[in-house]
Amino acid sequence: MKKYKYLLIFALGAFTLSSCFDDEVVSDQFGAGSNLVGFTDDATGMNLTAVADGNEYEFDIKMMTKGARLQDVSNAVTATISIDASSTAIEGTHFRLDSKSIILSPDNNLLGLLPITMITTGINPPLDEDPVVVLNIESVSGDGSVVVNGKQLKAKLLYLCNSDLAGDYALTVDYWRFGALVGTYNFTDTFTKTGDGQYRTNTVGAWFGTSIGGDAGFTFIDVCDQITIPAQNLVNLYSNIVEGVAGKSSVDPLTGDIYMEYTVCATDCREYYANYVKL
């Protein structure tokens, strides 16, 4: 059976000042008084995607150590991982952890990658509910100045049908704020395929291309004609969060046209209703 290895990276972009966007200070979730081991993506979670073709797909879970006294850590530390009882994904059916411990070394800045394998044999998408793996860090040993940060990681397993949405679309997007229509915008948008069932648009809201800097557009995932827009920073640059409205975005299987609903939120939310017609 083939195995494919992916490094799934959802990087937080730099936060910059702008007269048009809310600039927010993100607090250090790891605290200021201790050295804490945690999952890098514990705040946002992870989406692992794979075509259900009978193969196995390997991803990496990023782990890191942060704190005010990292310079005091001289020994490698071992973090022990457990699967939380709240997981809806079944070990051995949906996923596999070949190792439930990881060594974080000062030589690598106490960073590490924990492999997780997504199993697709016997899976027939679309599923009624996407299975979720919930992981805990049970313990840390090796250096007394390093402890667990106590945060879980939730990784959603998205089983895909074959997806081919890349290309150009005529886009009409309605922008609403405070319950009123602010404006309607028309663009020619382009979807670029970035992975199995994963795409990047060239437009987000009323902003085309790199008109506001950062990485143009937003990332979305196609799971058997159901569209998911995971929470992400606006153009990977601003602290505003772009996120789809659950269950509201989909592909018309007959025409190939796409409808999406999403918000861009900071102190309040801007609502966008987007229609994409395949060109």
C-alpha atoms as a PDB file:
ATOM      1  CA  MET A   1       0.000   0.000   0.000  1.00  0.00           C
ATOM      2  CA  LYS A   2       1.362   3.373  -0.930  1.00  0.00           C
ATOM      3  CA  LYS A   3       2.047   6.000   1.662  1.00  0.00           C
ATOM      4  CA  TYR A   4       2.305   9.700   0.926  1.00  0.00           C
ATOM      5  CA  LYS A   5       3.896  12.207   3.245  1.00  0.00           C
ATOM      6  CA  TYR A   6       2.686  15.755   3.550  1.00  0.00           C
ATOM      7  CA  LEU A   7       3.760  18.624   5.744  1.00  0.00           C
ATOM      8  CA  LEU A   8       0.581  20.538   6.497  1.00  0.00           C
ATOM      9  CA  ILE A   9       1.439  24.093   7.346  1.00  0.00           C
ATOM     10  CA  PHE A  10      -0.981  26.728   8.449  1.00  0.00           C
ATOM     11  CA  ALA A  11       1.367  29.549   9.278  1.00  0.00           C
ATOM     12  CA  LEU A  12       0.205  32.619  11.140  1.00  0.00           C
ATOM     13  CA  GLY A  13       1.110  35.681   9.107  1.00  0.00           C
ATOM     14  CA  ALA A  14       2.793  38.770  10.465  1.00  0.00           C
ATOM     15  CA  PHE A  15       0.493  41.328  12.025  1.00  0.00           C
ATOM     16  CA  THR A  16       0.866  44.787  10.531  1.00  0.00           C
ATOM     17  CA  LEU A  17      -0.689  48.190  11.063  1.00  0.00           C
ATOM     18  CA  SER A  18      -3.224  49.372   8.536  1.00  0.00           C
ATOM     19  CA  SER A  19      -5.678  52.240   8.487  1.00  0.00           C
ATOM     20  CA  CYS A  20      -8.305  49.938   6.952  1.00  0.00           C
ATOM     21  CA  PHE A  21      -8.115  46.956   9.311  1.00  0.00           C
ATOM     22  CA  ASP A  22      -8.349  46.328  13.020  1.00  0.00           C
ATOM     23  CA  ASP A  23      -4.906  45.760  14.491  1.00  0.00           C
ATOM     24  CA  GLU A  24      -5.042  43.396  17.440  1.00  0.00           C
ATOM     25  CA  VAL A  25      -2.346  42.268  19.815  1.00  0.00           C
ATOM     26  CA  VAL A  26      -2.295  38.503  20.115  1.00  0.00           C
ATOM     27  CA  SER A  27      -1.446  37.383  23.647  1.00  0.00           C
ATOM     28  CA  ASP A  28       1.197  34.748  24.169  1.00  0.00           C
ATOM     29  CA  GLN A  29      -0.861  31.642  24.859  1.00  0.00           C
ATOM     30  CA  PHE A  30       2.079  29.907  26.468  1.00  0.00           C
ATOM     31  CA  GLY A  31       2.393  32.394  29.345  1.00  0.00           C
ATOM     32  CA  ALA A  32       5.346  34.360  30.662  1.00  0.00           C
ATOM     33  CA  GLY A  33       6.620  32.409  33.676  1.00  0.00           C
ATOM     34  CA  SER A  34       7.227  28.848  32.520  1.00  0.00           C
ATOM     35  CA  ASN A  35       8.588  26.863  29.607  1.00  0.00           C
ATOM     36  CA  LEU A  36       5.573  25.087  28.147  1.00  0.00           C
ATOM     37  CA  VAL A  37       5.310  22.363  25.506  1.00  0.00           C
ATOM     38  CA  GLY A  38       2.277  22.566  23.239  1.00  0.00           C
ATOM     39  CA  PHE A  39       0.807  21.845  19.829  1.00  0.00           C
ATOM     40  CA  THR A  40       1.612  24.739  17.505  1.00  0.00           C
ATOM     41  CA  ASP A  41      -1.907  24.691  16.022  1.00  0.00           C
ATOM     42  CA  ASP A  42      -3.874  24.134  19.237  1.00  0.00           C
ATOM     43  CA  ALA A  43      -5.719  27.453  18.844  1.00  0.00           C
ATOM     44  CA  THR A  44      -6.945  26.932  15.265  1.00  0.00           C
ATOM     45  CA  GLY A  45      -6.904  23.141  14.960  1.00  0.00           C
ATOM     46  CA  MET A  46      -5.871  21.271  11.821  1.00  0.00           C
ATOM     47  CA  ASN A  47      -7.650  20.016   8.714  1.00  0.00           C
ATOM     48  CA  LEU A  48      -6.097  16.854   7.247  1.00  0.00           C
ATOM     49  CA  THR A  49      -7.339  16.106   3.742  1.00  0.00           C
ATOM     50  CA  ALA A  50      -6.941  13.051   1.546  1.00  0.00           C
ATOM     51  CA  VAL A  51      -8.685  11.471  -1.420  1.00  0.00           C
ATOM     52  CA  ALA A  52     -10.369   8.241  -0.310  1.00  0.00           C
ATOM     53  CA  ASP A  53      -8.477   6.056  -2.776  1.00  0.00           C
ATOM     54  CA  GLY A  54      -7.354   3.229  -0.471  1.00  0.00           C
ATOM     55  CA  ASN A  55      -3.924   4.715   0.212  1.00  0.00           C
ATOM     56  CA  GLU A  56      -2.456   6.035   3.445  1.00  0.00           C
ATOM     57  CA  TYR A  57      -1.404   9.652   3.825  1.00  0.00           C
ATOM     58  CA  GLU A  58       1.079  10.881   6.399  1.00  0.00           C
ATOM     59  CA  PHE A  59       0.989  14.373   7.897  1.00  0.00           C
ATOM     60  CA  ASP A  60       3.075  16.136  10.505  1.00  0.00           C
ATOM     61  CA  ILE A  61       1.739  17.689  13.691  1.00  0.00           C
ATOM     62  CA  LYS A  62       3.931  20.608  14.698  1.00  0.00           C
ATOM     63  CA  MET A  63       4.992  20.920  18.324  1.00  0.00           C
ATOM     64  CA  MET A  64       6.889  23.694  20.025  1.00  0.00           C
ATOM     65  CA  THR A  65       8.145  24.975  23.351  1.00  0.00           C
ATOM     66  CA  LYS A  66       7.749  28.583  24.433  1.00  0.00           C
ATOM     67  CA  GLY A  67       8.451  30.478  27.590  1.00  0.00           C
ATOM     68  CA  ALA A  68      10.471  33.112  29.361  1.00  0.00           C
ATOM     69  CA  ARG A  69      13.267  30.729  30.395  1.00  0.00           C
ATOM     70  CA  LEU A  70      14.064  28.729  27.271  1.00  0.00           C
ATOM     71  CA  GLN A  71      17.719  29.602  27.686  1.00  0.00           C
ATOM     72  CA  ASP A  72      17.669  27.509  30.878  1.00  0.00           C
ATOM     73  CA  VAL A  73      16.681  24.319  29.031  1.00  0.00           C
ATOM     74  CA  SER A  74      19.828  22.292  28.455  1.00  0.00           C
ATOM     75  CA  ASN A  75      18.387  18.779  28.066  1.00  0.00           C
ATOM     76  CA  ALA A  76      16.177  17.193  25.434  1.00  0.00           C
ATOM     77  CA  VAL A  77      12.609  16.665  26.623  1.00  0.00           C
ATOM     78  CA  THR A  78      10.190  13.864  25.771  1.00  0.00           C
ATOM     79  CA  ALA A  79       6.505  14.661  25.357  1.00  0.00           C
ATOM     80  CA  THR A  80       4.010  11.793  25.694  1.00  0.00           C
ATOM     81  CA  ILE A  81       0.839  12.039  23.586  1.00  0.00           C
ATOM     82  CA  SER A  82      -2.576  10.466  24.213  1.00  0.00           C
ATOM     83  CA  ILE A  83      -5.825  10.246  22.251  1.00  0.00           C
ATOM     84  CA  ASP A  84      -8.685  11.940  24.061  1.00  0.00           C
ATOM     85  CA  ALA A  85     -11.901   9.999  24.644  1.00  0.00           C
ATOM     86  CA  SER A  86     -13.861  12.765  22.911  1.00  0.00           C
ATOM     87  CA  SER A  87     -12.301  11.856  19.536  1.00  0.00           C
ATOM     88  CA  THR A  88     -14.862  10.805  16.932  1.00  0.00           C
ATOM     89  CA  ALA A  89     -12.132   9.450  14.636  1.00  0.00           C
ATOM     90  CA  ILE A  90     -11.348   5.792  15.329  1.00  0.00           C
ATOM     91  CA  GLU A  91      -7.728   4.733  15.706  1.00  0.00           C
ATOM     92  CA  GLY A  92      -6.971   1.975  13.193  1.00  0.00           C
ATOM     93  CA  THR A  93      -9.972   2.896  11.034  1.00  0.00           C
ATOM     94  CA  HIS A  94      -9.462   6.575  10.288  1.00  0.00           C
ATOM     95  CA  PHE A  95      -5.943   7.242  11.536  1.00  0.00           C
ATOM     96  CA  ARG A  96      -2.832   5.813  13.123  1.00  0.00           C
ATOM     97  CA  LEU A  97      -0.170   7.247  15.424  1.00  0.00           C
ATOM     98  CA  ASP A  98       2.965   5.181  14.919  1.00  0.00           C
ATOM     99  CA  SER A  99       4.576   6.945  17.866  1.00  0.00           C
ATOM    100  CA  LYS A 100       2.914   8.494  20.886  1.00  0.00           C
ATOM    101  CA  SER A 101       5.996  10.279  22.107  1.00  0.00           C
ATOM    102  CA  ILE A 102       8.319  12.863  20.636  1.00  0.00           C
ATOM    103  CA  ILE A 103      11.741  14.181  21.610  1.00  0.00           C
ATOM    104  CA  LEU A 104      12.261  17.943  21.493  1.00  0.00           C
ATOM    105  CA  SER A 105      15.904  18.956  21.536  1.00  0.00           C
ATOM    106  CA  PRO A 106      17.504  22.309  22.411  1.00  0.00           C
ATOM    107  CA  ASP A 107      19.610  21.770  19.282  1.00  0.00           C
ATOM    108  CA  ASN A 108      16.396  22.216  17.259  1.00  0.00           C
ATOM    109  CA  ASN A 109      14.997  25.029  19.400  1.00  0.00           C
ATOM    110  CA  LEU A 110      12.758  22.497  21.197  1.00  0.00           C
ATOM    111  CA  LEU A 111      10.615  22.114  18.069  1.00  0.00           C
ATOM    112  CA  GLY A 112       9.376  18.831  16.615  1.00  0.00           C
ATOM    113  CA  LEU A 113       7.064  17.057  14.181  1.00  0.00           C
ATOM    114  CA  LEU A 114       4.790  14.213  15.296  1.00  0.00           C
ATOM    115  CA  PRO A 115       3.640  12.032  12.356  1.00  0.00           C
ATOM    116  CA  ILE A 116      -0.003  11.024  12.012  1.00  0.00           C
ATOM    117  CA  THR A 117      -1.249   8.687   9.272  1.00  0.00           C
ATOM    118  CA  MET A 118      -4.680   9.123   7.706  1.00  0.00           C
ATOM    119  CA  ILE A 119      -6.224   5.816   6.572  1.00  0.00           C
ATOM    120  CA  THR A 120      -8.575   5.817   3.565  1.00  0.00           C
ATOM    121  CA  THR A 121      -9.180   2.082   3.007  1.00  0.00           C
ATOM    122  CA  GLY A 122     -12.891   1.296   3.342  1.00  0.00           C
ATOM    123  CA  ILE A 123     -13.902   4.963   3.561  1.00  0.00           C
ATOM    124  CA  ASN A 124     -16.656   6.071   1.168  1.00  0.00           C
ATOM    125  CA  PRO A 125     -17.148   9.848   1.142  1.00  0.00           C
ATOM    126  CA  PRO A 126     -19.026  11.998   1.670  1.00  0.00           C
ATOM    127  CA  LEU A 127     -19.386  11.057   5.335  1.00  0.00           C
ATOM    128  CA  ASP A 128     -22.299  12.184   7.480  1.00  0.00           C
ATOM    129  CA  GLU A 129     -19.796  13.810   9.828  1.00  0.00           C
ATOM    130  CA  ASP A 130     -16.090  14.483   9.475  1.00  0.00           C
ATOM    131  CA  PRO A 131     -14.178  12.457  12.103  1.00  0.00           C
ATOM    132  CA  VAL A 132     -12.046  14.456  14.528  1.00  0.00           C
ATOM    133  CA  VAL A 133      -8.898  13.346  16.348  1.00  0.00           C
ATOM    134  CA  VAL A 134      -8.408  15.050  19.722  1.00  0.00           C
ATOM    135  CA  LEU A 135      -4.893  14.783  21.142  1.00  0.00           C
ATOM    136  CA  ASN A 136      -3.518  15.567  24.598  1.00  0.00           C
ATOM    137  CA  ILE A 137       0.023  16.016  25.848  1.00  0.00           C
ATOM    138  CA  GLU A 138      -0.009  13.741  28.875  1.00  0.00           C
ATOM    139  CA  SER A 139       3.420  14.500  30.281  1.00  0.00           C
ATOM    140  CA  VAL A 140       6.848  15.974  29.627  1.00  0.00           C
ATOM    141  CA  SER A 141      10.078  14.558  31.025  1.00  0.00           C
ATOM    142  CA  GLY A 142      13.783  15.251  30.721  1.00  0.00           C
ATOM    143  CA  ASP A 143      14.083  18.788  32.060  1.00  0.00           C
ATOM    144  CA  GLY A 144      12.428  20.140  35.177  1.00  0.00           C
ATOM    145  CA  SER A 145      11.982  23.615  33.714  1.00  0.00           C
ATOM    146  CA  VAL A 146       9.613  22.368  30.982  1.00  0.00           C
ATOM    147  CA  VAL A 147       5.964  21.448  31.606  1.00  0.00           C
ATOM    148  CA  VAL A 148       2.792  20.797  29.564  1.00  0.00           C
ATOM    149  CA  ASN A 149       0.718  23.795  28.476  1.00  0.00           C
ATOM    150  CA  GLY A 150      -2.521  21.822  28.951  1.00  0.00           C
ATOM    151  CA  LYS A 151      -4.082  22.577  25.555  1.00  0.00           C
ATOM    152  CA  GLN A 152      -5.588  19.964  23.231  1.00  0.00           C
ATOM    153  CA  LEU A 153      -5.204  19.685  19.474  1.00  0.00           C
ATOM    154  CA  LYS A 154      -8.248  18.931  17.324  1.00  0.00           C
ATOM    155  CA  ALA A 155      -7.486  17.555  13.865  1.00  0.00           C
ATOM    156  CA  LYS A 156     -10.429  17.123  11.494  1.00  0.00           C
ATOM    157  CA  LEU A 157     -10.069  14.338   8.904  1.00  0.00           C
ATOM    158  CA  LEU A 158     -11.582  15.357   5.575  1.00  0.00           C
ATOM    159  CA  TYR A 159     -12.099  12.497   3.112  1.00  0.00           C
ATOM    160  CA  LEU A 160     -12.282  13.804  -0.431  1.00  0.00           C
ATOM    161  CA  CYS A 161     -13.807  12.723  -3.692  1.00  0.00           C
ATOM    162  CA  ASN A 162     -11.854  13.582  -6.823  1.00  0.00           C
ATOM    163  CA  SER A 163     -11.848  17.372  -7.111  1.00  0.00           C
ATOM    164  CA  ASP A 164     -11.043  19.592 -10.099  1.00  0.00           C
ATOM    165  CA  LEU A 165     -12.085  23.171  -9.342  1.00  0.00           C
ATOM    166  CA  ALA A 166      -8.944  24.971 -10.525  1.00  0.00           C
ATOM    167  CA  GLY A 167      -9.512  27.626 -13.177  1.00  0.00           C
ATOM    168  CA  ASP A 168     -11.205  30.957 -13.846  1.00  0.00           C
ATOM    169  CA  TYR A 169     -14.607  32.062 -12.566  1.00  0.00           C
ATOM    170  CA  ALA A 170     -16.850  35.086 -12.969  1.00  0.00           C
ATOM    171  CA  LEU A 171     -17.334  36.240  -9.375  1.00  0.00           C
ATOM    172  CA  THR A 172     -20.171  38.337  -7.991  1.00  0.00           C
ATOM    173  CA  VAL A 173     -19.875  39.055  -4.269  1.00  0.00           C
ATOM    174  CA  ASP A 174     -22.316  40.932  -2.015  1.00  0.00           C
ATOM    175  CA  TYR A 175     -20.807  42.638   1.037  1.00  0.00           C
ATOM    176  CA  TRP A 176     -23.030  43.120   4.115  1.00  0.00           C
ATOM    177  CA  ARG A 177     -22.233  44.833   7.409  1.00  0.00           C
ATOM    178  CA  PHE A 178     -24.470  45.598  10.392  1.00  0.00           C
ATOM    179  CA  GLY A 179     -27.401  43.972   8.594  1.00  0.00           C
ATOM    180  CA  ALA A 180     -27.218  46.166   5.486  1.00  0.00           C
ATOM    181  CA  LEU A 181     -25.867  45.669   1.982  1.00  0.00           C
ATOM    182  CA  VAL A 182     -22.728  47.782   1.572  1.00  0.00           C
ATOM    183  CA  GLY A 183     -21.893  46.927  -2.016  1.00  0.00           C
ATOM    184  CA  THR A 184     -21.748  44.374  -4.819  1.00  0.00           C
ATOM    185  CA  TYR A 185     -18.454  43.628  -6.573  1.00  0.00           C
ATOM    186  CA  ASN A 186     -17.578  41.767  -9.763  1.00  0.00           C
ATOM    187  CA  PHE A 187     -14.247  40.150 -10.558  1.00  0.00           C
ATOM    188  CA  THR A 188     -12.722  37.411 -12.649  1.00  0.00           C
ATOM    189  CA  ASP A 189     -11.326  35.148  -9.946  1.00  0.00           C
ATOM    190  CA  THR A 190      -8.875  32.285 -10.314  1.00  0.00           C
ATOM    191  CA  PHE A 191      -8.691  29.151  -8.169  1.00  0.00           C
ATOM    192  CA  THR A 192      -5.235  27.607  -7.800  1.00  0.00           C
ATOM    193  CA  LYS A 193      -5.010  24.013  -6.588  1.00  0.00           C
ATOM    194  CA  THR A 194      -2.650  23.730  -3.608  1.00  0.00           C
ATOM    195  CA  GLY A 195      -3.289  20.109  -2.598  1.00  0.00           C
ATOM    196  CA  ASP A 196      -5.868  17.312  -2.762  1.00  0.00           C
ATOM    197  CA  GLY A 197      -9.190  19.138  -2.643  1.00  0.00           C
ATOM    198  CA  GLN A 198      -7.456  22.330  -1.462  1.00  0.00           C
ATOM    199  CA  TYR A 199      -7.523  25.607  -3.369  1.00  0.00           C
ATOM    200  CA  ARG A 200      -6.547  29.260  -3.053  1.00  0.00           C
ATOM    201  CA  THR A 201      -8.682  32.037  -4.526  1.00  0.00           C
ATOM    202  CA  ASN A 202      -7.256  35.288  -5.876  1.00  0.00           C
ATOM    203  CA  THR A 203      -9.948  37.444  -4.255  1.00  0.00           C
ATOM    204  CA  VAL A 204     -11.220  37.818  -0.703  1.00  0.00           C
ATOM    205  CA  GLY A 205     -14.136  40.111   0.072  1.00  0.00           C
ATOM    206  CA  ALA A 206     -13.758  43.241  -2.053  1.00  0.00           C
ATOM    207  CA  TRP A 207      -9.975  42.866  -2.326  1.00  0.00           C
ATOM    208  CA  PHE A 208      -8.510  41.497  -5.544  1.00  0.00           C
ATOM    209  CA  GLY A 209      -5.038  40.034  -5.804  1.00  0.00           C
ATOM    210  CA  THR A 210      -2.417  41.616  -3.577  1.00  0.00           C
ATOM    211  CA  SER A 211      -4.153  45.000  -3.342  1.00  0.00           C
ATOM    212  CA  ILE A 212      -3.856  44.896   0.466  1.00  0.00           C
ATOM    213  CA  GLY A 213      -0.563  42.995   0.562  1.00  0.00           C
ATOM    214  CA  GLY A 214      -0.052  39.491   1.880  1.00  0.00           C
ATOM    215  CA  ASP A 215      -1.110  36.349   0.035  1.00  0.00           C
ATOM    216  CA  ALA A 216      -4.003  36.981  -2.327  1.00  0.00           C
ATOM    217  CA  GLY A 217      -7.389  35.414  -1.605  1.00  0.00           C
ATOM    218  CA  PHE A 218      -8.226  32.685   0.893  1.00  0.00           C
ATOM    219  CA  THR A 219      -7.879  28.926   1.235  1.00  0.00           C
ATOM    220  CA  PHE A 220     -10.859  26.579   0.902  1.00  0.00           C
ATOM    221  CA  ILE A 221     -11.393  22.821   0.820  1.00  0.00           C
ATOM    222  CA  ASP A 222     -13.708  20.839  -1.454  1.00  0.00           C
ATOM    223  CA  VAL A 223     -15.098  17.669   0.120  1.00  0.00           C
ATOM    224  CA  CYS A 224     -17.349  15.989  -2.436  1.00  0.00           C
ATOM    225  CA  ASP A 225     -18.871  19.309  -3.569  1.00  0.00           C
ATOM    226  CA  GLN A 226     -19.221  20.644  -0.021  1.00  0.00           C
ATOM    227  CA  ILE A 227     -16.965  23.651   0.542  1.00  0.00           C
ATOM    228  CA  THR A 228     -15.191  24.384   3.829  1.00  0.00           C
ATOM    229  CA  ILE A 229     -13.395  27.687   4.429  1.00  0.00           C
ATOM    230  CA  PRO A 230     -11.226  27.097   7.513  1.00  0.00           C
ATOM    231  CA  ALA A 231     -10.442  29.946   9.914  1.00  0.00           C
ATOM    232  CA  GLN A 232      -7.407  31.852   8.637  1.00  0.00           C
ATOM    233  CA  ASN A 233      -5.812  35.261   8.899  1.00  0.00           C
ATOM    234  CA  LEU A 234      -6.853  37.751   6.231  1.00  0.00           C
ATOM    235  CA  VAL A 235      -4.364  37.297   3.353  1.00  0.00           C
ATOM    236  CA  ASN A 236      -2.062  35.626   5.911  1.00  0.00           C
ATOM    237  CA  LEU A 237      -1.124  39.117   7.077  1.00  0.00           C
ATOM    238  CA  TYR A 238      -3.810  40.777   9.202  1.00  0.00           C
ATOM    239  CA  SER A 239      -5.320  39.655  12.496  1.00  0.00           C
ATOM    240  CA  ASN A 240      -8.824  39.733  10.968  1.00  0.00           C
ATOM    241  CA  ILE A 241     -10.140  36.163  10.652  1.00  0.00           C
ATOM    242  CA  VAL A 242     -11.653  34.832   7.434  1.00  0.00           C
ATOM    243  CA  GLU A 243     -13.962  31.852   8.025  1.00  0.00           C
ATOM    244  CA  GLY A 244     -16.781  30.143   6.164  1.00  0.00           C
ATOM    245  CA  VAL A 245     -20.332  29.921   7.476  1.00  0.00           C
ATOM    246  CA  ALA A 246     -20.818  26.241   8.316  1.00  0.00           C
ATOM    247  CA  GLY A 247     -22.886  24.307   5.788  1.00  0.00           C
ATOM    248  CA  LYS A 248     -23.517  27.268   3.478  1.00  0.00           C
ATOM    249  CA  SER A 249     -20.939  26.754   0.698  1.00  0.00           C
ATOM    250  CA  SER A 250     -21.125  24.161  -2.072  1.00  0.00           C
ATOM    251  CA  VAL A 251     -20.503  23.235  -5.709  1.00  0.00           C
ATOM    252  CA  ASP A 252     -23.381  22.681  -8.123  1.00  0.00           C
ATOM    253  CA  PRO A 253     -22.493  19.213  -9.530  1.00  0.00           C
ATOM    254  CA  LEU A 254     -24.392  19.899 -12.766  1.00  0.00           C
ATOM    255  CA  THR A 255     -23.009  23.311 -13.726  1.00  0.00           C
ATOM    256  CA  GLY A 256     -19.765  23.461 -11.762  1.00  0.00           C
ATOM    257  CA  ASP A 257     -20.804  26.843 -10.364  1.00  0.00           C
ATOM    258  CA  ILE A 258     -19.956  27.545  -6.735  1.00  0.00           C
ATOM    259  CA  TYR A 259     -21.660  29.469  -3.935  1.00  0.00           C
ATOM    260  CA  MET A 260     -19.814  30.518  -0.767  1.00  0.00           C
ATOM    261  CA  GLU A 261     -20.715  32.389   2.405  1.00  0.00           C
ATOM    262  CA  TYR A 262     -17.964  33.634   4.694  1.00  0.00           C
ATOM    263  CA  THR A 263     -17.137  36.343   7.197  1.00  0.00           C
ATOM    264  CA  VAL A 264     -14.139  38.563   7.865  1.00  0.00           C
ATOM    265  CA  CYS A 265     -14.146  39.325  11.581  1.00  0.00           C
ATOM    266  CA  ALA A 266     -12.249  41.500  14.035  1.00  0.00           C
ATOM    267  CA  THR A 267     -14.236  43.632  16.506  1.00  0.00           C
ATOM    268  CA  ASP A 268     -17.249  42.980  14.261  1.00  0.00           C
ATOM    269  CA  CYS A 269     -17.891  40.795  11.232  1.00  0.00           C
ATOM    270  CA  ARG A 270     -18.230  41.638   7.565  1.00  0.00           C
ATOM    271  CA  GLU A 271     -20.418  39.159   5.675  1.00  0.00           C
ATOM    272  CA  TYR A 272     -19.761  38.056   2.107  1.00  0.00           C
ATOM    273  CA  TYR A 273     -22.062  36.118  -0.232  1.00  0.00           C
ATOM    274  CA  ALA A 274     -20.139  34.969  -3.299  1.00  0.00           C
ATOM    275  CA  ASN A 275     -21.325  33.378  -6.545  1.00  0.00           C
ATOM    276  CA  TYR A 276     -18.702  31.849  -8.845  1.00  0.00           C
ATOM    277  CA  VAL A 277     -19.659  30.939 -12.431  1.00  0.00           C
ATOM    278  CA  LYS A 278     -17.164  28.708 -14.256  1.00  0.00           C
ATOM    279  CA  LEU A 279     -15.666  30.352 -17.345  1.00  0.00           C
END
